[in-house]
Amino acid sequence: MTLSPALTKTASRILFALPLMVFGVLHFMNSQAMSALVPSFVPGGIIWVYLTGIALLAASVAILANRFAVWASLLLGILLLSFALTIHLPGVMNPDAMAMSLPNLLKDTALAGGAFAFAGILKN
C-alpha cells in the first residue's frame, strides 16, 4: 500500500501544528505560572510568555495554512531549541528540578528536530 505524498504532507502538517496551537493557547491561559520559568537573567518576565505564545500560534497557523511554512518551521525549531537550552537544561543540572525538567528538555529537543526536518520536507 502506497500513501499519496500530498496526503502524507497534509496529515503531517495537521498533526504537527495542532499541538503547537494548544501550547500557544496554554501560554496565555497559564501565563503567571509560566512566567516563573523565564530565566532570571532575561528581563521582561511575563512578556516573554506572551511573545512565545504568539510565536507558537503564528507557527502553527503558518504550517496549517501552508503559507511561509518552511520559515515558520525553521524559526520554530530555533525557538524550541532555545527553550531546551535556556530553560530546561539548567533545570536538568539541578537535582531538585531534574525530574520535571528532563522530559521537557527531551520534548523540546525532539520537537525542534521535527521542526527542522519538517522544514526540509515542506521545501521539496
PDB file of N, CA and C in Angstrom:
ATOM      1  N   MET A   1       0.850  -1.183   0.000  1.00  0.00           N
ATOM      2  CA  MET A   1       0.000   0.000   0.000  1.00  0.00           C
ATOM      3  C   MET A   1       0.886   1.234   0.000  1.00  0.00           C
ATOM      4  N   THR A   2       0.622   2.124  -0.929  1.00  0.00           N
ATOM      5  CA  THR A   2       1.397   3.345  -1.045  1.00  0.00           C
ATOM      6  C   THR A   2       0.512   4.534  -0.694  1.00  0.00           C
ATOM      7  N   LEU A   3       1.032   5.387   0.162  1.00  0.00           N
ATOM      8  CA  LEU A   3       0.293   6.593   0.528  1.00  0.00           C
ATOM      9  C   LEU A   3       0.668   7.727  -0.412  1.00  0.00           C
ATOM     10  N   SER A   4      -0.283   8.539  -0.713  1.00  0.00           N
ATOM     11  CA  SER A   4      -0.049   9.700  -1.563  1.00  0.00           C
ATOM     12  C   SER A   4       0.854  10.692  -0.824  1.00  0.00           C
ATOM     13  N   PRO A   5       1.902  11.203  -1.492  1.00  0.00           N
ATOM     14  CA  PRO A   5       2.762  12.205  -0.839  1.00  0.00           C
ATOM     15  C   PRO A   5       1.985  13.446  -0.410  1.00  0.00           C
ATOM     16  N   ALA A   6       1.021  13.865  -1.206  1.00  0.00           N
ATOM     17  CA  ALA A   6       0.229  15.051  -0.844  1.00  0.00           C
ATOM     18  C   ALA A   6      -0.583  14.792   0.422  1.00  0.00           C
ATOM     19  N   LEU A   7      -1.180  13.611   0.512  1.00  0.00           N
ATOM     20  CA  LEU A   7      -1.955  13.258   1.700  1.00  0.00           C
ATOM     21  C   LEU A   7      -1.056  13.173   2.930  1.00  0.00           C
ATOM     22  N   THR A   8       0.113  12.594   2.749  1.00  0.00           N
ATOM     23  CA  THR A   8       1.060  12.469   3.855  1.00  0.00           C
ATOM     24  C   THR A   8       1.510  13.834   4.351  1.00  0.00           C
ATOM     25  N   LYS A   9       1.827  14.752   3.423  1.00  0.00           N
ATOM     26  CA  LYS A   9       2.248  16.101   3.825  1.00  0.00           C
ATOM     27  C   LYS A   9       1.131  16.837   4.551  1.00  0.00           C
ATOM     28  N   THR A  10      -0.078  16.704   4.054  1.00  0.00           N
ATOM     29  CA  THR A  10      -1.214  17.383   4.683  1.00  0.00           C
ATOM     30  C   THR A  10      -1.462  16.840   6.090  1.00  0.00           C
ATOM     31  N   ALA A  11      -1.489  15.522   6.222  1.00  0.00           N
ATOM     32  CA  ALA A  11      -1.691  14.920   7.536  1.00  0.00           C
ATOM     33  C   ALA A  11      -0.557  15.303   8.484  1.00  0.00           C
ATOM     34  N   SER A  12       0.664  15.323   7.989  1.00  0.00           N
ATOM     35  CA  SER A  12       1.819  15.700   8.817  1.00  0.00           C
ATOM     36  C   SER A  12       1.701  17.135   9.294  1.00  0.00           C
ATOM     37  N   ARG A  13       1.316  18.028   8.401  1.00  0.00           N
ATOM     38  CA  ARG A  13       1.160  19.440   8.780  1.00  0.00           C
ATOM     39  C   ARG A  13       0.123  19.577   9.894  1.00  0.00           C
ATOM     40  N   ILE A  14      -1.001  18.881   9.748  1.00  0.00           N
ATOM     41  CA  ILE A  14      -2.069  18.989  10.745  1.00  0.00           C
ATOM     42  C   ILE A  14      -1.631  18.397  12.083  1.00  0.00           C
ATOM     43  N   LEU A  15      -1.048  17.209  12.045  1.00  0.00           N
ATOM     44  CA  LEU A  15      -0.634  16.543  13.284  1.00  0.00           C
ATOM     45  C   LEU A  15       0.496  17.269  13.996  1.00  0.00           C
ATOM     46  N   PHE A  16       1.325  17.988  13.261  1.00  0.00           N
ATOM     47  CA  PHE A  16       2.423  18.748  13.868  1.00  0.00           C
ATOM     48  C   PHE A  16       1.928  20.092  14.396  1.00  0.00           C
ATOM     49  N   ALA A  17       1.035  20.748  13.658  1.00  0.00           N
ATOM     50  CA  ALA A  17       0.638  22.112  14.000  1.00  0.00           C
ATOM     51  C   ALA A  17      -0.395  22.193  15.122  1.00  0.00           C
ATOM     52  N   LEU A  18      -1.309  21.251  15.187  1.00  0.00           N
ATOM     53  CA  LEU A  18      -2.368  21.351  16.200  1.00  0.00           C
ATOM     54  C   LEU A  18      -1.845  21.345  17.642  1.00  0.00           C
ATOM     55  N   PRO A  19      -0.923  20.439  18.004  1.00  0.00           N
ATOM     56  CA  PRO A  19      -0.387  20.527  19.372  1.00  0.00           C
ATOM     57  C   PRO A  19       0.348  21.846  19.639  1.00  0.00           C
ATOM     58  N   LEU A  20       1.009  22.381  18.620  1.00  0.00           N
ATOM     59  CA  LEU A  20       1.679  23.671  18.802  1.00  0.00           C
ATOM     60  C   LEU A  20       0.673  24.773  19.093  1.00  0.00           C
ATOM     61  N   MET A  21      -0.481  24.680  18.438  1.00  0.00           N
ATOM     62  CA  MET A  21      -1.535  25.656  18.689  1.00  0.00           C
ATOM     63  C   MET A  21      -2.009  25.555  20.143  1.00  0.00           C
ATOM     64  N   VAL A  22      -2.159  24.339  20.638  1.00  0.00           N
ATOM     65  CA  VAL A  22      -2.559  24.139  22.035  1.00  0.00           C
ATOM     66  C   VAL A  22      -1.496  24.708  22.978  1.00  0.00           C
ATOM     67  N   PHE A  23      -0.213  24.448  22.671  1.00  0.00           N
ATOM     68  CA  PHE A  23       0.864  25.008  23.503  1.00  0.00           C
ATOM     69  C   PHE A  23       0.806  26.533  23.511  1.00  0.00           C
ATOM     70  N   GLY A  24       0.528  27.129  22.346  1.00  0.00           N
ATOM     71  CA  GLY A  24       0.427  28.588  22.263  1.00  0.00           C
ATOM     72  C   GLY A  24      -0.709  29.122  23.119  1.00  0.00           C
ATOM     73  N   VAL A  25      -1.872  28.478  23.047  1.00  0.00           N
ATOM     74  CA  VAL A  25      -3.024  28.893  23.855  1.00  0.00           C
ATOM     75  C   VAL A  25      -2.708  28.734  25.344  1.00  0.00           C
ATOM     76  N   LEU A  26      -2.029  27.650  25.705  1.00  0.00           N
ATOM     77  CA  LEU A  26      -1.674  27.429  27.118  1.00  0.00           C
ATOM     78  C   LEU A  26      -0.744  28.517  27.652  1.00  0.00           C
ATOM     79  N   HIS A  27       0.061  29.120  26.777  1.00  0.00           N
ATOM     80  CA  HIS A  27       0.922  30.212  27.220  1.00  0.00           C
ATOM     81  C   HIS A  27       0.088  31.399  27.710  1.00  0.00           C
ATOM     82  N   PHE A  28      -1.089  31.593  27.130  1.00  0.00           N
ATOM     83  CA  PHE A  28      -1.960  32.680  27.574  1.00  0.00           C
ATOM     84  C   PHE A  28      -2.802  32.266  28.779  1.00  0.00           C
ATOM     85  N   MET A  29      -3.232  31.027  28.811  1.00  0.00           N
ATOM     86  CA  MET A  29      -4.069  30.560  29.918  1.00  0.00           C
ATOM     87  C   MET A  29      -3.280  30.396  31.218  1.00  0.00           C
ATOM     88  N   ASN A  30      -1.992  30.039  31.123  1.00  0.00           N
ATOM     89  CA  ASN A  30      -1.155  29.795  32.305  1.00  0.00           C
ATOM     90  C   ASN A  30       0.027  30.757  32.365  1.00  0.00           C
ATOM     91  N   SER A  31      -0.190  31.984  31.934  1.00  0.00           N
ATOM     92  CA  SER A  31       0.922  32.924  31.809  1.00  0.00           C
ATOM     93  C   SER A  31       1.627  33.211  33.134  1.00  0.00           C
ATOM     94  N   GLN A  32       0.885  33.314  34.215  1.00  0.00           N
ATOM     95  CA  GLN A  32       1.513  33.607  35.512  1.00  0.00           C
ATOM     96  C   GLN A  32       2.439  32.472  35.937  1.00  0.00           C
ATOM     97  N   ALA A  33       1.968  31.244  35.830  1.00  0.00           N
ATOM     98  CA  ALA A  33       2.795  30.097  36.229  1.00  0.00           C
ATOM     99  C   ALA A  33       4.003  29.967  35.316  1.00  0.00           C
ATOM    100  N   MET A  34       3.809  30.183  34.016  1.00  0.00           N
ATOM    101  CA  MET A  34       4.914  30.047  33.071  1.00  0.00           C
ATOM    102  C   MET A  34       5.947  31.155  33.220  1.00  0.00           C
ATOM    103  N   SER A  35       5.535  32.311  33.711  1.00  0.00           N
ATOM    104  CA  SER A  35       6.496  33.407  33.871  1.00  0.00           C
ATOM    105  C   SER A  35       7.584  33.056  34.881  1.00  0.00           C
ATOM    106  N   ALA A  36       7.300  32.127  35.792  1.00  0.00           N
ATOM    107  CA  ALA A  36       8.314  31.675  36.755  1.00  0.00           C
ATOM    108  C   ALA A  36       9.414  30.877  36.068  1.00  0.00           C
ATOM    109  N   LEU A  37       9.143  30.349  34.863  1.00  0.00           N
ATOM    110  CA  LEU A  37      10.139  29.564  34.128  1.00  0.00           C
ATOM    111  C   LEU A  37      11.099  30.427  33.321  1.00  0.00           C
ATOM    112  N   VAL A  38      10.756  31.706  33.141  1.00  0.00           N
ATOM    113  CA  VAL A  38      11.648  32.602  32.393  1.00  0.00           C
ATOM    114  C   VAL A  38      12.929  32.766  33.206  1.00  0.00           C
ATOM    115  N   PRO A  39      14.093  32.493  32.584  1.00  0.00           N
ATOM    116  CA  PRO A  39      15.354  32.609  33.330  1.00  0.00           C
ATOM    117  C   PRO A  39      15.532  33.995  33.946  1.00  0.00           C
ATOM    118  N   SER A  40      16.106  34.038  35.123  1.00  0.00           N
ATOM    119  CA  SER A  40      16.256  35.301  35.852  1.00  0.00           C
ATOM    120  C   SER A  40      17.166  36.296  35.130  1.00  0.00           C
ATOM    121  N   PHE A  41      18.059  35.812  34.267  1.00  0.00           N
ATOM    122  CA  PHE A  41      18.951  36.722  33.549  1.00  0.00           C
ATOM    123  C   PHE A  41      18.272  37.370  32.335  1.00  0.00           C
ATOM    124  N   VAL A  42      17.020  36.991  32.069  1.00  0.00           N
ATOM    125  CA  VAL A  42      16.274  37.561  30.947  1.00  0.00           C
ATOM    126  C   VAL A  42      15.263  38.558  31.501  1.00  0.00           C
ATOM    127  N   PRO A  43      15.414  39.844  31.162  1.00  0.00           N
ATOM    128  CA  PRO A  43      14.443  40.820  31.652  1.00  0.00           C
ATOM    129  C   PRO A  43      13.112  40.692  30.912  1.00  0.00           C
ATOM    130  N   GLY A  44      12.037  41.078  31.556  1.00  0.00           N
ATOM    131  CA  GLY A  44      10.745  41.094  30.882  1.00  0.00           C
ATOM    132  C   GLY A  44       9.738  40.119  31.442  1.00  0.00           C
ATOM    133  N   GLY A  45      10.200  39.003  31.991  1.00  0.00           N
ATOM    134  CA  GLY A  45       9.315  38.034  32.630  1.00  0.00           C
ATOM    135  C   GLY A  45       8.141  37.591  31.783  1.00  0.00           C
ATOM    136  N   ILE A  46       6.942  38.018  32.187  1.00  0.00           N
ATOM    137  CA  ILE A  46       5.708  37.535  31.571  1.00  0.00           C
ATOM    138  C   ILE A  46       5.573  37.944  30.101  1.00  0.00           C
ATOM    139  N   ILE A  47       6.220  39.021  29.711  1.00  0.00           N
ATOM    140  CA  ILE A  47       6.176  39.450  28.297  1.00  0.00           C
ATOM    141  C   ILE A  47       6.685  38.329  27.395  1.00  0.00           C
ATOM    142  N   TRP A  48       7.723  37.621  27.831  1.00  0.00           N
ATOM    143  CA  TRP A  48       8.285  36.531  27.033  1.00  0.00           C
ATOM    144  C   TRP A  48       7.311  35.371  26.912  1.00  0.00           C
ATOM    145  N   VAL A  49       6.512  35.157  27.939  1.00  0.00           N
ATOM    146  CA  VAL A  49       5.499  34.096  27.881  1.00  0.00           C
ATOM    147  C   VAL A  49       4.474  34.433  26.800  1.00  0.00           C
ATOM    148  N   TYR A  50       4.022  35.690  26.781  1.00  0.00           N
ATOM    149  CA  TYR A  50       3.063  36.108  25.762  1.00  0.00           C
ATOM    150  C   TYR A  50       3.685  36.069  24.361  1.00  0.00           C
ATOM    151  N   LEU A  51       4.917  36.542  24.236  1.00  0.00           N
ATOM    152  CA  LEU A  51       5.575  36.531  22.918  1.00  0.00           C
ATOM    153  C   LEU A  51       5.773  35.117  22.394  1.00  0.00           C
ATOM    154  N   THR A  52       6.161  34.203  23.261  1.00  0.00           N
ATOM    155  CA  THR A  52       6.336  32.818  22.793  1.00  0.00           C
ATOM    156  C   THR A  52       4.986  32.178  22.483  1.00  0.00           C
ATOM    157  N   GLY A  53       3.944  32.550  23.218  1.00  0.00           N
ATOM    158  CA  GLY A  53       2.601  32.074  22.887  1.00  0.00           C
ATOM    159  C   GLY A  53       2.186  32.545  21.499  1.00  0.00           C
ATOM    160  N   ILE A  54       2.451  33.815  21.201  1.00  0.00           N
ATOM    161  CA  ILE A  54       2.151  34.357  19.869  1.00  0.00           C
ATOM    162  C   ILE A  54       2.979  33.634  18.813  1.00  0.00           C
ATOM    163  N   ALA A  55       4.259  33.393  19.098  1.00  0.00           N
ATOM    164  CA  ALA A  55       5.125  32.711  18.134  1.00  0.00           C
ATOM    165  C   ALA A  55       4.642  31.287  17.855  1.00  0.00           C
ATOM    166  N   LEU A  56       4.237  30.580  18.890  1.00  0.00           N
ATOM    167  CA  LEU A  56       3.727  29.217  18.710  1.00  0.00           C
ATOM    168  C   LEU A  56       2.436  29.217  17.892  1.00  0.00           C
ATOM    169  N   LEU A  57       1.550  30.164  18.188  1.00  0.00           N
ATOM    170  CA  LEU A  57       0.308  30.257  17.425  1.00  0.00           C
ATOM    171  C   LEU A  57       0.575  30.633  15.969  1.00  0.00           C
ATOM    172  N   ALA A  58       1.463  31.593  15.763  1.00  0.00           N
ATOM    173  CA  ALA A  58       1.785  32.022  14.396  1.00  0.00           C
ATOM    174  C   ALA A  58       2.410  30.879  13.599  1.00  0.00           C
ATOM    175  N   ALA A  59       3.314  30.129  14.223  1.00  0.00           N
ATOM    176  CA  ALA A  59       3.943  29.000  13.527  1.00  0.00           C
ATOM    177  C   ALA A  59       2.902  27.940  13.183  1.00  0.00           C
ATOM    178  N   SER A  60       2.015  27.650  14.118  1.00  0.00           N
ATOM    179  CA  SER A  60       1.012  26.619  13.839  1.00  0.00           C
ATOM    180  C   SER A  60       0.064  27.047  12.725  1.00  0.00           C
ATOM    181  N   VAL A  61      -0.336  28.312  12.711  1.00  0.00           N
ATOM    182  CA  VAL A  61      -1.218  28.801  11.644  1.00  0.00           C
ATOM    183  C   VAL A  61      -0.490  28.771  10.300  1.00  0.00           C
ATOM    184  N   ALA A  62       0.771  29.187  10.270  1.00  0.00           N
ATOM    185  CA  ALA A  62       1.543  29.174   9.024  1.00  0.00           C
ATOM    186  C   ALA A  62       1.708  27.755   8.495  1.00  0.00           C
ATOM    187  N   ILE A  63       1.957  26.817   9.375  1.00  0.00           N
ATOM    188  CA  ILE A  63       2.125  25.416   8.960  1.00  0.00           C
ATOM    189  C   ILE A  63       0.787  24.841   8.489  1.00  0.00           C
ATOM    190  N   LEU A  64      -0.289  25.104   9.219  1.00  0.00           N
ATOM    191  CA  LEU A  64      -1.606  24.610   8.814  1.00  0.00           C
ATOM    192  C   LEU A  64      -2.036  25.185   7.467  1.00  0.00           C
ATOM    193  N   ALA A  65      -1.795  26.477   7.281  1.00  0.00           N
ATOM    194  CA  ALA A  65      -2.198  27.147   6.045  1.00  0.00           C
ATOM    195  C   ALA A  65      -1.224  26.886   4.902  1.00  0.00           C
ATOM    196  N   ASN A  66      -0.081  26.308   5.240  1.00  0.00           N
ATOM    197  CA  ASN A  66       0.982  26.055   4.260  1.00  0.00           C
ATOM    198  C   ASN A  66       1.443  27.350   3.588  1.00  0.00           C
ATOM    199  N   ARG A  67       1.493  28.415   4.364  1.00  0.00           N
ATOM    200  CA  ARG A  67       1.987  29.713   3.911  1.00  0.00           C
ATOM    201  C   ARG A  67       3.180  30.066   4.791  1.00  0.00           C
ATOM    202  N   PHE A  68       4.316  30.254   4.187  1.00  0.00           N
ATOM    203  CA  PHE A  68       5.562  30.518   4.914  1.00  0.00           C
ATOM    204  C   PHE A  68       5.881  29.386   5.888  1.00  0.00           C
ATOM    205  N   ALA A  69       5.430  28.194   5.573  1.00  0.00           N
ATOM    206  CA  ALA A  69       5.578  27.047   6.479  1.00  0.00           C
ATOM    207  C   ALA A  69       7.034  26.652   6.673  1.00  0.00           C
ATOM    208  N   VAL A  70       7.866  26.800   5.642  1.00  0.00           N
ATOM    209  CA  VAL A  70       9.290  26.454   5.778  1.00  0.00           C
ATOM    210  C   VAL A  70       9.946  27.403   6.776  1.00  0.00           C
ATOM    211  N   TRP A  71       9.722  28.700   6.597  1.00  0.00           N
ATOM    212  CA  TRP A  71      10.301  29.682   7.527  1.00  0.00           C
ATOM    213  C   TRP A  71       9.738  29.494   8.936  1.00  0.00           C
ATOM    214  N   ALA A  72       8.448  29.255   9.014  1.00  0.00           N
ATOM    215  CA  ALA A  72       7.822  29.049  10.326  1.00  0.00           C
ATOM    216  C   ALA A  72       8.436  27.843  11.028  1.00  0.00           C
ATOM    217  N   SER A  73       8.676  26.772  10.278  1.00  0.00           N
ATOM    218  CA  SER A  73       9.261  25.563  10.866  1.00  0.00           C
ATOM    219  C   SER A  73      10.698  25.810  11.314  1.00  0.00           C
ATOM    220  N   LEU A  74      11.473  26.513  10.500  1.00  0.00           N
ATOM    221  CA  LEU A  74      12.861  26.819  10.881  1.00  0.00           C
ATOM    222  C   LEU A  74      12.908  27.684  12.133  1.00  0.00           C
ATOM    223  N   LEU A  75      12.113  28.743  12.158  1.00  0.00           N
ATOM    224  CA  LEU A  75      12.108  29.623  13.326  1.00  0.00           C
ATOM    225  C   LEU A  75      11.545  28.917  14.559  1.00  0.00           C
ATOM    226  N   LEU A  76      10.561  28.060  14.360  1.00  0.00           N
ATOM    227  CA  LEU A  76      10.023  27.269  15.464  1.00  0.00           C
ATOM    228  C   LEU A  76      11.098  26.356  16.044  1.00  0.00           C
ATOM    229  N   GLY A  77      11.878  25.719  15.184  1.00  0.00           N
ATOM    230  CA  GLY A  77      12.967  24.856  15.648  1.00  0.00           C
ATOM    231  C   GLY A  77      13.971  25.628  16.492  1.00  0.00           C
ATOM    232  N   ILE A  78      14.311  26.828  16.047  1.00  0.00           N
ATOM    233  CA  ILE A  78      15.246  27.674  16.809  1.00  0.00           C
ATOM    234  C   ILE A  78      14.638  28.053  18.164  1.00  0.00           C
ATOM    235  N   LEU A  79      13.359  28.427  18.159  1.00  0.00           N
ATOM    236  CA  LEU A  79      12.676  28.793  19.404  1.00  0.00           C
ATOM    237  C   LEU A  79      12.663  27.627  20.389  1.00  0.00           C
ATOM    238  N   LEU A  80      12.290  26.447  19.902  1.00  0.00           N
ATOM    239  CA  LEU A  80      12.215  25.274  20.775  1.00  0.00           C
ATOM    240  C   LEU A  80      13.588  24.865  21.300  1.00  0.00           C
ATOM    241  N   LEU A  81      14.593  24.964  20.453  1.00  0.00           N
ATOM    242  CA  LEU A  81      15.951  24.647  20.898  1.00  0.00           C
ATOM    243  C   LEU A  81      16.417  25.655  21.947  1.00  0.00           C
ATOM    244  N   SER A  82      16.029  26.917  21.795  1.00  0.00           N
ATOM    245  CA  SER A  82      16.401  27.912  22.812  1.00  0.00           C
ATOM    246  C   SER A  82      15.703  27.612  24.139  1.00  0.00           C
ATOM    247  N   PHE A  83      14.446  27.117  24.086  1.00  0.00           N
ATOM    248  CA  PHE A  83      13.769  26.697  25.322  1.00  0.00           C
ATOM    249  C   PHE A  83      14.550  25.565  25.988  1.00  0.00           C
ATOM    250  N   ALA A  84      14.942  24.594  25.189  1.00  0.00           N
ATOM    251  CA  ALA A  84      15.650  23.432  25.730  1.00  0.00           C
ATOM    252  C   ALA A  84      16.943  23.852  26.408  1.00  0.00           C
ATOM    253  N   LEU A  85      17.667  24.765  25.779  1.00  0.00           N
ATOM    254  CA  LEU A  85      18.981  25.147  26.297  1.00  0.00           C
ATOM    255  C   LEU A  85      18.930  26.150  27.441  1.00  0.00           C
ATOM    256  N   THR A  86      17.970  27.083  27.422  1.00  0.00           N
ATOM    257  CA  THR A  86      17.962  28.143  28.438  1.00  0.00           C
ATOM    258  C   THR A  86      17.039  27.865  29.619  1.00  0.00           C
ATOM    259  N   ILE A  87      16.011  27.050  29.407  1.00  0.00           N
ATOM    260  CA  ILE A  87      15.050  26.794  30.485  1.00  0.00           C
ATOM    261  C   ILE A  87      15.229  25.386  31.058  1.00  0.00           C
ATOM    262  N   HIS A  88      15.212  24.384  30.187  1.00  0.00           N
ATOM    263  CA  HIS A  88      15.171  23.004  30.663  1.00  0.00           C
ATOM    264  C   HIS A  88      16.544  22.427  31.003  1.00  0.00           C
ATOM    265  N   LEU A  89      17.582  22.762  30.256  1.00  0.00           N
ATOM    266  CA  LEU A  89      18.913  22.231  30.556  1.00  0.00           C
ATOM    267  C   LEU A  89      19.404  22.675  31.936  1.00  0.00           C
ATOM    268  N   PRO A  90      19.270  23.960  32.311  1.00  0.00           N
ATOM    269  CA  PRO A  90      19.659  24.334  33.681  1.00  0.00           C
ATOM    270  C   PRO A  90      18.856  23.572  34.744  1.00  0.00           C
ATOM    271  N   GLY A  91      17.577  23.286  34.443  1.00  0.00           N
ATOM    272  CA  GLY A  91      16.768  22.516  35.384  1.00  0.00           C
ATOM    273  C   GLY A  91      17.266  21.092  35.531  1.00  0.00           C
ATOM    274  N   VAL A  92      17.751  20.513  34.432  1.00  0.00           N
ATOM    275  CA  VAL A  92      18.291  19.149  34.476  1.00  0.00           C
ATOM    276  C   VAL A  92      19.548  19.117  35.335  1.00  0.00           C
ATOM    277  N   MET A  93      20.295  20.191  35.337  1.00  0.00           N
ATOM    278  CA  MET A  93      21.526  20.262  36.130  1.00  0.00           C
ATOM    279  C   MET A  93      21.245  20.403  37.628  1.00  0.00           C
ATOM    280  N   ASN A  94      20.012  20.775  37.978  1.00  0.00           N
ATOM    281  CA  ASN A  94      19.611  20.939  39.373  1.00  0.00           C
ATOM    282  C   ASN A  94      18.928  19.644  39.832  1.00  0.00           C
ATOM    283  N   PRO A  95      19.528  18.931  40.792  1.00  0.00           N
ATOM    284  CA  PRO A  95      18.952  17.651  41.225  1.00  0.00           C
ATOM    285  C   PRO A  95      17.500  17.755  41.707  1.00  0.00           C
ATOM    286  N   ASP A  96      17.116  18.903  42.283  1.00  0.00           N
ATOM    287  CA  ASP A  96      15.756  19.069  42.783  1.00  0.00           C
ATOM    288  C   ASP A  96      14.732  19.228  41.660  1.00  0.00           C
ATOM    289  N   ALA A  97      15.169  19.737  40.506  1.00  0.00           N
ATOM    290  CA  ALA A  97      14.243  20.015  39.403  1.00  0.00           C
ATOM    291  C   ALA A  97      14.397  19.039  38.241  1.00  0.00           C
ATOM    292  N   MET A  98      15.353  18.109  38.349  1.00  0.00           N
ATOM    293  CA  MET A  98      15.653  17.247  37.208  1.00  0.00           C
ATOM    294  C   MET A  98      14.459  16.416  36.765  1.00  0.00           C
ATOM    295  N   ALA A  99      13.682  15.891  37.682  1.00  0.00           N
ATOM    296  CA  ALA A  99      12.563  15.011  37.322  1.00  0.00           C
ATOM    297  C   ALA A  99      11.538  15.731  36.452  1.00  0.00           C
ATOM    298  N   MET A 100      11.345  17.029  36.656  1.00  0.00           N
ATOM    299  CA  MET A 100      10.409  17.788  35.833  1.00  0.00           C
ATOM    300  C   MET A 100      11.064  18.345  34.581  1.00  0.00           C
ATOM    301  N   SER A 101      12.323  18.670  34.658  1.00  0.00           N
ATOM    302  CA  SER A 101      12.997  19.329  33.542  1.00  0.00           C
ATOM    303  C   SER A 101      13.418  18.372  32.433  1.00  0.00           C
ATOM    304  N   LEU A 102      13.806  17.155  32.782  1.00  0.00           N
ATOM    305  CA  LEU A 102      14.299  16.224  31.770  1.00  0.00           C
ATOM    306  C   LEU A 102      13.254  15.895  30.704  1.00  0.00           C
ATOM    307  N   PRO A 103      12.009  15.570  31.062  1.00  0.00           N
ATOM    308  CA  PRO A 103      11.019  15.312  29.997  1.00  0.00           C
ATOM    309  C   PRO A 103      10.793  16.518  29.093  1.00  0.00           C
ATOM    310  N   ASN A 104      10.806  17.713  29.674  1.00  0.00           N
ATOM    311  CA  ASN A 104      10.615  18.921  28.867  1.00  0.00           C
ATOM    312  C   ASN A 104      11.822  19.194  27.972  1.00  0.00           C
ATOM    313  N   LEU A 105      13.016  18.913  28.472  1.00  0.00           N
ATOM    314  CA  LEU A 105      14.223  19.052  27.647  1.00  0.00           C
ATOM    315  C   LEU A 105      14.143  18.110  26.452  1.00  0.00           C
ATOM    316  N   LEU A 106      13.776  16.866  26.708  1.00  0.00           N
ATOM    317  CA  LEU A 106      13.684  15.890  25.625  1.00  0.00           C
ATOM    318  C   LEU A 106      12.554  16.234  24.656  1.00  0.00           C
ATOM    319  N   LYS A 107      11.411  16.679  25.167  1.00  0.00           N
ATOM    320  CA  LYS A 107      10.275  17.055  24.322  1.00  0.00           C
ATOM    321  C   LYS A 107      10.633  18.203  23.402  1.00  0.00           C
ATOM    322  N   ASP A 108      11.205  19.271  23.967  1.00  0.00           N
ATOM    323  CA  ASP A 108      11.525  20.427  23.137  1.00  0.00           C
ATOM    324  C   ASP A 108      12.655  20.135  22.157  1.00  0.00           C
ATOM    325  N   THR A 109      13.615  19.307  22.553  1.00  0.00           N
ATOM    326  CA  THR A 109      14.681  18.919  21.628  1.00  0.00           C
ATOM    327  C   THR A 109      14.105  18.089  20.474  1.00  0.00           C
ATOM    328  N   ALA A 110      13.232  17.153  20.797  1.00  0.00           N
ATOM    329  CA  ALA A 110      12.617  16.324  19.751  1.00  0.00           C
ATOM    330  C   ALA A 110      11.733  17.164  18.835  1.00  0.00           C
ATOM    331  N   LEU A 111      10.948  18.069  19.399  1.00  0.00           N
ATOM    332  CA  LEU A 111      10.108  18.928  18.572  1.00  0.00           C
ATOM    333  C   LEU A 111      10.943  19.863  17.695  1.00  0.00           C
ATOM    334  N   ALA A 112      12.066  20.346  18.216  1.00  0.00           N
ATOM    335  CA  ALA A 112      12.953  21.190  17.404  1.00  0.00           C
ATOM    336  C   ALA A 112      13.498  20.388  16.227  1.00  0.00           C
ATOM    337  N   GLY A 113      13.955  19.164  16.509  1.00  0.00           N
ATOM    338  CA  GLY A 113      14.436  18.304  15.422  1.00  0.00           C
ATOM    339  C   GLY A 113      13.342  18.032  14.411  1.00  0.00           C
ATOM    340  N   GLY A 114      12.134  17.802  14.889  1.00  0.00           N
ATOM    341  CA  GLY A 114      10.997  17.588  13.995  1.00  0.00           C
ATOM    342  C   GLY A 114      10.693  18.825  13.161  1.00  0.00           C
ATOM    343  N   ALA A 115      10.789  19.992  13.771  1.00  0.00           N
ATOM    344  CA  ALA A 115      10.539  21.238  13.027  1.00  0.00           C
ATOM    345  C   ALA A 115      11.572  21.440  11.932  1.00  0.00           C
ATOM    346  N   PHE A 116      12.844  21.146  12.237  1.00  0.00           N
ATOM    347  CA  PHE A 116      13.893  21.278  11.211  1.00  0.00           C
ATOM    348  C   PHE A 116      13.670  20.274  10.090  1.00  0.00           C
ATOM    349  N   ALA A 117      13.332  19.033  10.453  1.00  0.00           N
ATOM    350  CA  ALA A 117      13.053  18.020   9.431  1.00  0.00           C
ATOM    351  C   ALA A 117      11.831  18.407   8.607  1.00  0.00           C
ATOM    352  N   PHE A 118      10.830  18.928   9.268  1.00  0.00           N
ATOM    353  CA  PHE A 118       9.606  19.337   8.594  1.00  0.00           C
ATOM    354  C   PHE A 118       9.883  20.443   7.582  1.00  0.00           C
ATOM    355  N   ALA A 119      10.753  21.379   7.948  1.00  0.00           N
ATOM    356  CA  ALA A 119      11.122  22.450   7.016  1.00  0.00           C
ATOM    357  C   ALA A 119      11.732  21.848   5.756  1.00  0.00           C
ATOM    358  N   GLY A 120      12.573  20.835   5.918  1.00  0.00           N
ATOM    359  CA  GLY A 120      13.178  20.173   4.759  1.00  0.00           C
ATOM    360  C   GLY A 120      12.158  19.445   3.920  1.00  0.00           C
ATOM    361  N   ILE A 121      11.199  18.803   4.551  1.00  0.00           N
ATOM    362  CA  ILE A 121      10.155  18.069   3.816  1.00  0.00           C
ATOM    363  C   ILE A 121       9.261  19.048   3.048  1.00  0.00           C
ATOM    364  N   LEU A 122       8.875  20.135   3.691  1.00  0.00           N
ATOM    365  CA  LEU A 122       7.988  21.104   3.052  1.00  0.00           C
ATOM    366  C   LEU A 122       8.684  21.829   1.902  1.00  0.00           C
ATOM    367  N   LYS A 123       9.986  21.960   1.995  1.00  0.00           N
ATOM    368  CA  LYS A 123      10.737  22.668   0.955  1.00  0.00           C
ATOM    369  C   LYS A 123      10.677  21.924  -0.365  1.00  0.00           C
ATOM    370  N   ASN A 124      10.581  20.602  -0.311  1.00  0.00           N
ATOM    371  CA  ASN A 124      10.567  19.789  -1.544  1.00  0.00           C
ATOM    372  C   ASN A 124       9.198  19.678  -2.137  1.00  0.00           C
TER     373      ASN A 124
END
